[in-house]
Amino acid sequence: MPKKLRQRFQAYEAEVSTHLRRLFRREEKPREALTAVAKDTRKLARKVLQPEPTENHKQAIVWVKKGVAAYNLKEYEDAEQCFRRALAFDENYARAYLYLGNALYKKRHRSEAFAAWETAIDVAPRSEAAKMAQEKLDRLCKDRDQDQPFRELHEERRY
C-alpha cells in the first residue's frame, strides 16, 4: 500500500476511534458520532478515488504557489502572470482562476475579475475554489446593490 494511502487510512481510523470513544463516554450523541464518521468516510473516499495529478497539473500548482507568494507581497502584476502561466498548464484549474480573479480585482480590472471567478465556478462547480469564487461574487454584487442608491444620488448632485 502506498505511503500516502496508508497515512490517510490511519488518520481515518484515528478519527473513527475518537468518535467511538466519545460515544461510549457519552460525550457525543449517537447521531453526532454517526454524522461525523459519515463525513470522515466521504472525505476519505474523495481522497482515495481522486486521480493522480498529471505533470501539467503539478506545474500549474507550482505556478499558483508562486502567484500566491507574489500576491501576498502585493505584487499583483507578477501574481497575475503566475496565475496565467498556471492556466496555460491546466486550463481547468479552478483555484488558478479564483486567484487570478483576486489579482485582477486588486488591479481594478473588475469585469475581468468577475469573468475569472465565474470561470472558476464553471470548470469545477463542486470545488472549494468555486465556493470561494461564488462567495466573492455574491458579496461584491450585494455591496454594489447596497451602494447603488448612494451612487445615483451622488451622480445626480454632480450635474
Protein backbone atom coordinates (compact mmCIF):
# COMPACT_ATOMS: atom_id res chain seq x y z
CA MET A 1 0.00 0.00 0.00
CA PRO A 2 1.44 3.43 -0.94
CA LYS A 3 2.62 5.56 1.95
CA LYS A 4 0.11 8.38 1.41
CA LEU A 5 -2.80 5.97 1.22
CA ARG A 6 -1.69 4.23 4.41
CA GLN A 7 -1.43 7.59 6.17
CA ARG A 8 -4.94 8.54 5.06
CA PHE A 9 -6.36 5.26 6.36
CA GLN A 10 -4.52 5.70 9.66
CA ALA A 11 -5.91 9.22 10.05
CA TYR A 12 -9.39 7.92 9.24
CA GLU A 13 -9.01 5.12 11.78
CA ALA A 14 -7.92 7.62 14.45
CA GLU A 15 -10.93 9.87 13.74
CA VAL A 16 -13.38 6.97 13.91
CA SER A 17 -11.78 5.75 17.14
CA THR A 18 -12.10 9.22 18.63
CA HIS A 19 -15.81 9.35 17.84
CA LEU A 20 -16.39 5.85 19.23
CA ARG A 21 -14.57 6.76 22.43
CA ARG A 22 -16.65 9.92 22.79
CA LEU A 23 -19.79 7.93 22.12
CA PHE A 24 -19.03 5.35 24.82
CA ARG A 25 -18.13 8.10 27.29
CA ARG A 26 -21.42 9.80 26.41
CA GLU A 27 -19.56 12.92 25.32
CA GLU A 28 -21.20 12.62 21.91
CA LYS A 29 -24.70 11.61 20.96
CA PRO A 30 -25.09 8.66 18.58
CA ARG A 31 -26.41 10.89 15.82
CA GLU A 32 -23.43 13.27 16.17
CA ALA A 33 -20.94 10.40 16.11
CA LEU A 34 -22.53 8.79 13.05
CA THR A 35 -22.69 12.10 11.23
CA ALA A 36 -19.02 12.76 11.95
CA VAL A 37 -17.98 9.25 10.89
CA ALA A 38 -20.02 9.58 7.68
CA LYS A 39 -18.34 12.90 6.94
CA ASP A 40 -14.90 11.37 7.56
CA THR A 41 -15.79 8.42 5.32
CA ARG A 42 -16.84 10.71 2.46
CA LYS A 43 -13.63 12.69 2.89
CA LEU A 44 -11.54 9.51 2.75
CA ALA A 45 -13.43 8.26 -0.30
CA ARG A 46 -12.80 11.53 -2.15
CA LYS A 47 -9.09 11.33 -1.38
CA VAL A 48 -8.76 7.66 -2.30
CA LEU A 49 -10.78 7.95 -5.51
CA GLN A 50 -9.11 11.17 -6.59
CA PRO A 51 -6.92 10.53 -9.64
CA GLU A 52 -3.22 11.26 -9.51
CA PRO A 53 -2.45 14.75 -10.84
CA THR A 54 -0.87 15.00 -14.28
CA GLU A 55 2.50 16.63 -14.83
CA ASN A 56 0.77 19.68 -16.30
CA HIS A 57 -1.41 19.99 -13.22
CA LYS A 58 1.65 19.70 -10.98
CA GLN A 59 3.28 22.55 -12.92
CA ALA A 60 0.09 24.58 -12.57
CA ILE A 61 0.22 24.06 -8.81
CA VAL A 62 3.83 25.32 -8.74
CA TRP A 63 2.84 28.48 -10.64
CA VAL A 64 -0.16 29.09 -8.39
CA LYS A 65 2.11 28.86 -5.32
CA LYS A 66 4.46 31.41 -6.90
CA GLY A 67 1.48 33.61 -7.72
CA VAL A 68 0.16 33.44 -4.16
CA ALA A 69 3.58 34.45 -2.85
CA ALA A 70 3.66 37.44 -5.22
CA TYR A 71 0.06 38.35 -4.31
CA ASN A 72 0.91 38.29 -0.60
CA LEU A 73 3.76 40.70 -1.33
CA LYS A 74 1.20 42.94 -3.10
CA GLU A 75 2.95 42.38 -6.43
CA TYR A 76 -0.32 41.96 -8.29
CA GLU A 77 1.13 42.19 -11.80
CA ASP A 78 3.57 39.35 -11.09
CA ALA A 79 0.83 37.37 -9.39
CA GLU A 80 -1.44 37.76 -12.41
CA GLN A 81 1.31 36.50 -14.72
CA CYS A 82 1.93 33.46 -12.49
CA PHE A 83 -1.76 32.56 -12.41
CA ARG A 84 -1.98 32.91 -16.19
CA ARG A 85 1.03 30.59 -16.56
CA ALA A 86 -0.69 28.09 -14.27
CA LEU A 87 -3.73 28.21 -16.53
CA ALA A 88 -1.51 27.65 -19.56
CA PHE A 89 -0.53 24.32 -17.98
CA ASP A 90 -4.03 23.38 -16.78
CA GLU A 91 -6.96 25.38 -18.11
CA ASN A 92 -9.37 23.52 -15.80
CA TYR A 93 -7.66 24.52 -12.55
CA ALA A 94 -10.36 26.40 -10.65
CA ARG A 95 -8.02 27.64 -7.92
CA ALA A 96 -5.88 29.42 -10.54
CA TYR A 97 -8.98 31.19 -11.88
CA LEU A 98 -10.01 32.15 -8.35
CA TYR A 99 -6.64 33.69 -7.54
CA LEU A 100 -6.38 35.29 -10.98
CA GLY A 101 -9.70 36.98 -10.24
CA ASN A 102 -8.35 38.20 -6.91
CA ALA A 103 -5.25 39.69 -8.54
CA LEU A 104 -7.29 41.32 -11.30
CA TYR A 105 -9.67 42.77 -8.74
CA LYS A 106 -6.76 44.30 -6.84
CA LYS A 107 -5.58 45.83 -10.13
CA ARG A 108 -9.09 47.32 -10.53
CA HIS A 109 -9.90 45.17 -13.57
CA ARG A 110 -13.34 44.39 -12.19
CA SER A 111 -15.01 42.86 -15.25
CA GLU A 112 -12.04 40.56 -15.89
CA ALA A 113 -12.02 39.55 -12.22
CA PHE A 114 -15.72 38.70 -12.34
CA ALA A 115 -15.14 36.64 -15.51
CA ALA A 116 -12.26 34.73 -13.86
CA TRP A 117 -14.37 33.94 -10.79
CA GLU A 118 -17.26 32.79 -12.99
CA THR A 119 -14.87 30.54 -14.90
CA ALA A 120 -13.65 29.03 -11.62
CA ILE A 121 -17.25 28.10 -10.88
CA ASP A 122 -17.81 26.73 -14.40
CA VAL A 123 -14.73 24.48 -14.55
CA ALA A 124 -15.16 22.86 -11.12
CA PRO A 125 -18.59 23.71 -9.67
CA ARG A 126 -18.22 21.49 -6.59
CA SER A 127 -14.71 22.57 -5.64
CA GLU A 128 -13.68 24.71 -2.70
CA ALA A 129 -12.32 27.28 -5.16
CA ALA A 130 -15.72 27.52 -6.84
CA LYS A 131 -17.37 28.00 -3.47
CA MET A 132 -14.95 30.80 -2.61
CA ALA A 133 -15.43 32.42 -6.03
CA GLN A 134 -19.20 32.31 -5.61
CA GLU A 135 -18.91 33.91 -2.18
CA LYS A 136 -16.81 36.73 -3.66
CA LEU A 137 -19.29 37.30 -6.47
CA ASP A 138 -22.23 37.27 -4.07
CA ARG A 139 -20.55 39.66 -1.64
CA LEU A 140 -19.48 42.11 -4.37
CA CYS A 141 -22.91 42.06 -6.01
CA LYS A 142 -24.53 42.65 -2.64
CA ASP A 143 -22.15 45.54 -1.90
CA ARG A 144 -22.79 47.02 -5.32
CA ASP A 145 -26.56 46.78 -4.85
CA GLN A 146 -26.32 48.47 -1.46
CA ASP A 147 -24.20 51.29 -2.87
CA GLN A 148 -26.45 51.85 -5.89
CA PRO A 149 -28.77 54.48 -4.30
CA PHE A 150 -25.74 56.34 -2.96
CA ARG A 151 -24.09 56.34 -6.40
CA GLU A 152 -27.25 57.51 -8.12
CA LEU A 153 -27.70 60.30 -5.58
CA HIS A 154 -24.05 61.26 -5.89
CA GLU A 155 -24.27 61.35 -9.70
CA GLU A 156 -27.41 63.47 -9.60
CA ARG A 157 -25.69 66.05 -7.41
CA ARG A 158 -22.75 66.37 -9.80
CA TYR A 159 -24.93 67.53 -12.66
